Amino acid sequence: MRFKIILLSLLLASCSNFSVPLPSAYKMDIRQGNYVTQEMRDKLKLGMSRAQVKFVMGTPMISDVFHANRWDYVYRLEHARKLVEEQRLTLYFDGDTLSRIDDSGLHLSAAEAK
């Protein structure tokens, strides 16, 4: 009897590298932040007022009290807990006018993630 149990456990252990696809829970796409299109980027011009920028871009994701002259528009897309796309656009103001645009664009694209 012991011999059969030992033989059965050895046979089962030898099959441990064999993987069977198991169903898993659905993982949602997680979108966070402000999605900024190329059309929105093209409408930005130096010298625009804060109100004009807010009309074009919407409310910034990050508006820091300690950096009142800087607005950050950040966007992240995660698919199945993996980062697929990330965008960062930083706008700098001198008083009420847009003075500098720092556009990092896309860090990852959907084609690179596949």
N, C-alpha and C. Protein backbone atom coordinates (compact mmCIF):
# COMPACT_ATOMS: atom_id res chain seq x y z
N MET A 1 0.82 -1.20 0.00
CA MET A 1 0.00 0.00 0.00
C MET A 1 0.87 1.26 0.00
N ARG A 2 1.93 1.24 0.84
CA ARG A 2 2.83 2.39 0.89
C ARG A 2 3.52 2.59 -0.44
N PHE A 3 3.86 1.51 -1.08
CA PHE A 3 4.54 1.59 -2.37
C PHE A 3 3.65 2.30 -3.39
N LYS A 4 2.35 2.01 -3.39
CA LYS A 4 1.42 2.64 -4.33
C LYS A 4 1.30 4.14 -4.05
N ILE A 5 1.28 4.50 -2.78
CA ILE A 5 1.16 5.92 -2.41
C ILE A 5 2.43 6.67 -2.83
N ILE A 6 3.60 6.07 -2.58
CA ILE A 6 4.86 6.70 -2.97
C ILE A 6 4.95 6.82 -4.48
N LEU A 7 4.57 5.78 -5.20
CA LEU A 7 4.59 5.81 -6.66
C LEU A 7 3.63 6.86 -7.20
N LEU A 8 2.44 6.95 -6.63
CA LEU A 8 1.46 7.95 -7.06
C LEU A 8 1.96 9.37 -6.80
N SER A 9 2.57 9.61 -5.63
CA SER A 9 3.08 10.96 -5.33
C SER A 9 4.25 11.32 -6.24
N LEU A 10 5.11 10.36 -6.61
CA LEU A 10 6.19 10.64 -7.56
C LEU A 10 5.65 10.97 -8.94
N LEU A 11 4.64 10.25 -9.36
CA LEU A 11 4.03 10.53 -10.66
C LEU A 11 3.39 11.92 -10.69
N LEU A 12 2.71 12.26 -9.62
CA LEU A 12 2.09 13.59 -9.55
C LEU A 12 3.14 14.69 -9.47
N ALA A 13 4.23 14.46 -8.77
CA ALA A 13 5.29 15.46 -8.67
C ALA A 13 5.98 15.66 -10.01
N SER A 14 6.07 14.63 -10.81
CA SER A 14 6.71 14.77 -12.11
C SER A 14 5.87 15.59 -13.08
N CYS A 15 4.61 15.72 -12.81
CA CYS A 15 3.72 16.51 -13.67
C CYS A 15 3.60 17.96 -13.19
N SER A 16 4.42 18.37 -12.23
CA SER A 16 4.27 19.71 -11.66
C SER A 16 4.62 20.82 -12.65
N ASN A 17 5.45 20.54 -13.66
CA ASN A 17 5.79 21.56 -14.66
C ASN A 17 4.68 21.74 -15.69
N PHE A 18 3.76 20.86 -15.72
CA PHE A 18 2.64 20.93 -16.65
C PHE A 18 1.63 21.92 -16.09
N SER A 19 1.37 22.99 -16.83
CA SER A 19 0.45 24.01 -16.32
C SER A 19 -0.85 23.98 -17.11
N VAL A 20 -1.92 24.03 -16.39
CA VAL A 20 -3.25 24.06 -16.97
C VAL A 20 -3.78 25.47 -16.79
N PRO A 21 -4.21 26.13 -17.87
CA PRO A 21 -4.75 27.49 -17.70
C PRO A 21 -6.03 27.45 -16.86
N LEU A 22 -6.00 28.18 -15.79
CA LEU A 22 -7.14 28.24 -14.89
C LEU A 22 -7.87 29.57 -15.09
N PRO A 23 -9.17 29.55 -14.95
CA PRO A 23 -9.89 30.83 -15.05
C PRO A 23 -9.52 31.73 -13.88
N SER A 24 -9.38 33.02 -14.18
CA SER A 24 -9.05 33.98 -13.12
C SER A 24 -10.08 35.10 -13.11
N ALA A 25 -10.00 35.90 -12.10
CA ALA A 25 -10.93 37.02 -11.96
C ALA A 25 -10.65 38.07 -13.02
N TYR A 26 -11.69 38.77 -13.44
CA TYR A 26 -11.56 39.84 -14.42
C TYR A 26 -10.85 41.03 -13.78
N LYS A 27 -9.85 41.56 -14.45
CA LYS A 27 -9.13 42.73 -13.96
C LYS A 27 -9.47 43.91 -14.86
N MET A 28 -10.06 44.93 -14.27
CA MET A 28 -10.51 46.10 -15.01
C MET A 28 -9.35 46.98 -15.46
N ASP A 29 -9.58 47.73 -16.54
CA ASP A 29 -8.64 48.78 -16.93
C ASP A 29 -8.81 49.92 -15.94
N ILE A 30 -7.70 50.42 -15.43
CA ILE A 30 -7.75 51.51 -14.46
C ILE A 30 -7.18 52.75 -15.12
N ARG A 31 -8.04 53.74 -15.32
CA ARG A 31 -7.63 55.01 -15.91
C ARG A 31 -7.64 56.06 -14.80
N GLN A 32 -6.51 56.75 -14.65
CA GLN A 32 -6.42 57.76 -13.61
C GLN A 32 -5.86 59.04 -14.20
N GLY A 33 -6.45 60.14 -13.82
CA GLY A 33 -5.91 61.44 -14.20
C GLY A 33 -6.65 62.10 -15.35
N ASN A 34 -5.96 63.06 -15.97
CA ASN A 34 -6.49 63.84 -17.08
C ASN A 34 -5.95 63.28 -18.39
N TYR A 35 -6.83 62.78 -19.25
CA TYR A 35 -6.39 62.31 -20.56
C TYR A 35 -6.25 63.53 -21.46
N VAL A 36 -5.05 63.76 -21.99
CA VAL A 36 -4.76 64.92 -22.82
C VAL A 36 -4.53 64.45 -24.25
N THR A 37 -5.36 64.91 -25.16
CA THR A 37 -5.23 64.53 -26.57
C THR A 37 -4.26 65.46 -27.28
N GLN A 38 -3.84 65.05 -28.46
CA GLN A 38 -2.94 65.88 -29.26
C GLN A 38 -3.63 67.18 -29.68
N GLU A 39 -4.93 67.12 -29.90
CA GLU A 39 -5.70 68.32 -30.25
C GLU A 39 -5.66 69.34 -29.12
N MET A 40 -5.76 68.86 -27.88
CA MET A 40 -5.69 69.76 -26.73
C MET A 40 -4.30 70.38 -26.62
N ARG A 41 -3.27 69.57 -26.87
CA ARG A 41 -1.90 70.09 -26.82
C ARG A 41 -1.67 71.16 -27.88
N ASP A 42 -2.25 70.94 -29.06
CA ASP A 42 -2.07 71.89 -30.16
C ASP A 42 -2.74 73.24 -29.88
N LYS A 43 -3.80 73.23 -29.08
CA LYS A 43 -4.50 74.48 -28.77
C LYS A 43 -3.76 75.33 -27.75
N LEU A 44 -2.83 74.74 -27.01
CA LEU A 44 -2.08 75.50 -26.01
C LEU A 44 -1.10 76.44 -26.69
N LYS A 45 -1.13 77.69 -26.28
CA LYS A 45 -0.21 78.71 -26.81
C LYS A 45 0.37 79.49 -25.63
N LEU A 46 1.63 79.82 -25.72
CA LEU A 46 2.24 80.66 -24.69
C LEU A 46 1.54 82.01 -24.67
N GLY A 47 1.34 82.54 -23.48
CA GLY A 47 0.66 83.82 -23.34
C GLY A 47 -0.82 83.69 -23.02
N MET A 48 -1.36 82.47 -23.04
CA MET A 48 -2.77 82.27 -22.69
C MET A 48 -2.97 82.52 -21.20
N SER A 49 -4.17 82.95 -20.84
CA SER A 49 -4.48 83.17 -19.43
C SER A 49 -4.83 81.84 -18.77
N ARG A 50 -4.86 81.83 -17.45
CA ARG A 50 -5.23 80.61 -16.71
C ARG A 50 -6.64 80.14 -17.08
N ALA A 51 -7.54 81.08 -17.24
CA ALA A 51 -8.93 80.73 -17.59
C ALA A 51 -8.98 80.08 -18.98
N GLN A 52 -8.21 80.59 -19.92
CA GLN A 52 -8.19 80.01 -21.26
C GLN A 52 -7.59 78.59 -21.23
N VAL A 53 -6.53 78.42 -20.45
CA VAL A 53 -5.90 77.10 -20.34
C VAL A 53 -6.87 76.12 -19.69
N LYS A 54 -7.58 76.55 -18.67
CA LYS A 54 -8.54 75.67 -18.00
C LYS A 54 -9.69 75.32 -18.94
N PHE A 55 -10.07 76.24 -19.82
CA PHE A 55 -11.13 75.96 -20.79
C PHE A 55 -10.68 74.89 -21.78
N VAL A 56 -9.43 74.96 -22.22
CA VAL A 56 -8.90 74.00 -23.20
C VAL A 56 -8.58 72.66 -22.55
N MET A 57 -7.92 72.68 -21.40
CA MET A 57 -7.38 71.46 -20.79
C MET A 57 -8.26 70.86 -19.69
N GLY A 58 -9.09 71.67 -19.09
CA GLY A 58 -9.84 71.19 -17.93
C GLY A 58 -9.07 71.48 -16.66
N THR A 59 -9.63 71.07 -15.54
CA THR A 59 -8.98 71.30 -14.25
C THR A 59 -7.75 70.40 -14.13
N PRO A 60 -6.62 70.93 -13.68
CA PRO A 60 -5.42 70.11 -13.59
C PRO A 60 -5.55 69.03 -12.51
N MET A 61 -4.86 67.91 -12.74
CA MET A 61 -4.86 66.82 -11.77
C MET A 61 -4.17 67.25 -10.49
N ILE A 62 -3.05 67.95 -10.65
CA ILE A 62 -2.29 68.40 -9.48
C ILE A 62 -2.13 69.91 -9.55
N SER A 63 -2.68 70.60 -8.55
CA SER A 63 -2.50 72.04 -8.42
C SER A 63 -1.98 72.26 -7.01
N ASP A 64 -0.67 72.39 -6.89
CA ASP A 64 0.01 72.43 -5.60
C ASP A 64 -0.03 73.84 -5.02
N VAL A 65 -0.31 73.93 -3.73
CA VAL A 65 -0.35 75.21 -3.04
C VAL A 65 1.05 75.82 -2.98
N PHE A 66 2.07 74.99 -2.84
CA PHE A 66 3.43 75.49 -2.73
C PHE A 66 4.03 75.87 -4.08
N HIS A 67 3.45 75.37 -5.16
CA HIS A 67 3.87 75.73 -6.51
C HIS A 67 2.65 76.24 -7.27
N ALA A 68 2.18 77.39 -6.89
CA ALA A 68 0.93 77.93 -7.44
C ALA A 68 1.06 78.28 -8.93
N ASN A 69 2.26 78.46 -9.41
CA ASN A 69 2.46 78.81 -10.82
C ASN A 69 2.71 77.59 -11.69
N ARG A 70 2.37 76.41 -11.20
CA ARG A 70 2.61 75.17 -11.94
C ARG A 70 1.37 74.29 -11.89
N TRP A 71 0.92 73.83 -13.04
CA TRP A 71 -0.19 72.88 -13.14
C TRP A 71 0.31 71.61 -13.78
N ASP A 72 -0.02 70.47 -13.19
CA ASP A 72 0.39 69.17 -13.72
C ASP A 72 -0.84 68.40 -14.19
N TYR A 73 -0.78 67.91 -15.42
CA TYR A 73 -1.81 67.05 -15.98
C TYR A 73 -1.17 65.67 -16.15
N VAL A 74 -1.59 64.73 -15.32
CA VAL A 74 -1.01 63.39 -15.29
C VAL A 74 -2.08 62.39 -15.66
N TYR A 75 -1.70 61.39 -16.48
CA TYR A 75 -2.64 60.35 -16.90
C TYR A 75 -1.93 59.01 -16.88
N ARG A 76 -2.60 57.99 -16.33
CA ARG A 76 -2.06 56.62 -16.31
C ARG A 76 -3.16 55.65 -16.70
N LEU A 77 -2.80 54.65 -17.49
CA LEU A 77 -3.71 53.57 -17.86
C LEU A 77 -3.05 52.26 -17.51
N GLU A 78 -3.73 51.48 -16.66
CA GLU A 78 -3.23 50.16 -16.28
C GLU A 78 -4.22 49.12 -16.79
N HIS A 79 -3.68 48.09 -17.44
CA HIS A 79 -4.48 46.98 -17.93
C HIS A 79 -3.95 45.71 -17.28
N ALA A 80 -4.81 45.02 -16.55
CA ALA A 80 -4.44 43.80 -15.83
C ALA A 80 -3.23 44.07 -14.92
N ARG A 81 -3.28 45.18 -14.21
CA ARG A 81 -2.26 45.61 -13.25
C ARG A 81 -0.90 45.87 -13.86
N LYS A 82 -0.86 46.11 -15.17
CA LYS A 82 0.39 46.46 -15.84
C LYS A 82 0.22 47.83 -16.47
N LEU A 83 1.23 48.68 -16.32
CA LEU A 83 1.17 50.03 -16.86
C LEU A 83 1.25 49.97 -18.38
N VAL A 84 0.22 50.51 -19.04
CA VAL A 84 0.15 50.50 -20.50
C VAL A 84 0.51 51.86 -21.07
N GLU A 85 0.03 52.91 -20.43
CA GLU A 85 0.24 54.25 -20.95
C GLU A 85 0.38 55.23 -19.79
N GLU A 86 1.29 56.19 -19.96
CA GLU A 86 1.48 57.23 -18.96
C GLU A 86 1.83 58.53 -19.68
N GLN A 87 1.14 59.60 -19.31
CA GLN A 87 1.38 60.92 -19.90
C GLN A 87 1.60 61.92 -18.77
N ARG A 88 2.44 62.89 -19.03
CA ARG A 88 2.64 63.98 -18.07
C ARG A 88 2.82 65.28 -18.85
N LEU A 89 2.02 66.26 -18.51
CA LEU A 89 2.10 67.59 -19.11
C LEU A 89 2.13 68.60 -17.97
N THR A 90 3.18 69.41 -17.94
CA THR A 90 3.33 70.41 -16.89
C THR A 90 3.31 71.79 -17.53
N LEU A 91 2.45 72.65 -16.98
CA LEU A 91 2.32 74.02 -17.47
C LEU A 91 2.79 74.99 -16.39
N TYR A 92 3.61 75.96 -16.79
CA TYR A 92 4.14 76.95 -15.87
C TYR A 92 3.57 78.32 -16.23
N PHE A 93 3.19 79.06 -15.18
CA PHE A 93 2.59 80.38 -15.37
C PHE A 93 3.49 81.44 -14.76
N ASP A 94 3.49 82.60 -15.40
CA ASP A 94 4.13 83.78 -14.87
C ASP A 94 3.02 84.78 -14.60
N GLY A 95 2.59 84.83 -13.35
CA GLY A 95 1.40 85.63 -13.01
C GLY A 95 0.17 84.90 -13.50
N ASP A 96 -0.53 85.51 -14.47
CA ASP A 96 -1.74 84.90 -15.01
C ASP A 96 -1.54 84.35 -16.42
N THR A 97 -0.32 84.44 -16.96
CA THR A 97 -0.11 84.01 -18.34
C THR A 97 0.76 82.76 -18.40
N LEU A 98 0.47 81.91 -19.38
CA LEU A 98 1.21 80.68 -19.60
C LEU A 98 2.59 81.03 -20.15
N SER A 99 3.64 80.62 -19.42
CA SER A 99 4.99 80.99 -19.82
C SER A 99 5.83 79.83 -20.34
N ARG A 100 5.51 78.59 -19.93
CA ARG A 100 6.31 77.45 -20.36
C ARG A 100 5.47 76.18 -20.37
N ILE A 101 5.73 75.32 -21.35
CA ILE A 101 5.02 74.04 -21.46
C ILE A 101 6.07 72.94 -21.46
N ASP A 102 5.96 72.03 -20.51
CA ASP A 102 6.86 70.87 -20.43
C ASP A 102 6.02 69.64 -20.73
N ASP A 103 6.19 69.08 -21.92
CA ASP A 103 5.37 67.96 -22.39
C ASP A 103 6.25 66.72 -22.54
N SER A 104 6.06 65.77 -21.63
CA SER A 104 6.85 64.55 -21.72
C SER A 104 6.19 63.54 -22.65
N GLY A 105 4.93 63.75 -23.02
CA GLY A 105 4.25 62.86 -23.95
C GLY A 105 4.00 61.49 -23.36
N LEU A 106 4.17 60.47 -24.17
CA LEU A 106 3.89 59.10 -23.76
C LEU A 106 5.17 58.41 -23.28
N HIS A 107 5.08 57.76 -22.13
CA HIS A 107 6.20 56.95 -21.66
C HIS A 107 6.09 55.54 -22.23
N LEU A 108 4.89 54.99 -22.19
CA LEU A 108 4.62 53.67 -22.74
C LEU A 108 3.41 53.76 -23.63
N SER A 109 3.39 52.96 -24.66
CA SER A 109 2.21 52.90 -25.50
C SER A 109 1.63 51.50 -25.45
N ALA A 110 0.42 51.34 -25.94
CA ALA A 110 -0.24 50.04 -25.91
C ALA A 110 0.52 49.03 -26.76
N ALA A 111 1.17 49.47 -27.83
CA ALA A 111 1.91 48.55 -28.71
C ALA A 111 3.14 47.99 -28.00
N GLU A 112 3.81 48.78 -27.16
CA GLU A 112 4.98 48.32 -26.44
C GLU A 112 4.62 47.33 -25.33
N ALA A 113 3.42 47.46 -24.78
CA ALA A 113 3.02 46.62 -23.66
C ALA A 113 2.64 45.22 -24.10
N LYS A 114 2.26 45.02 -25.35
CA LYS A 114 1.82 43.69 -25.81
C LYS A 114 2.96 42.79 -26.14
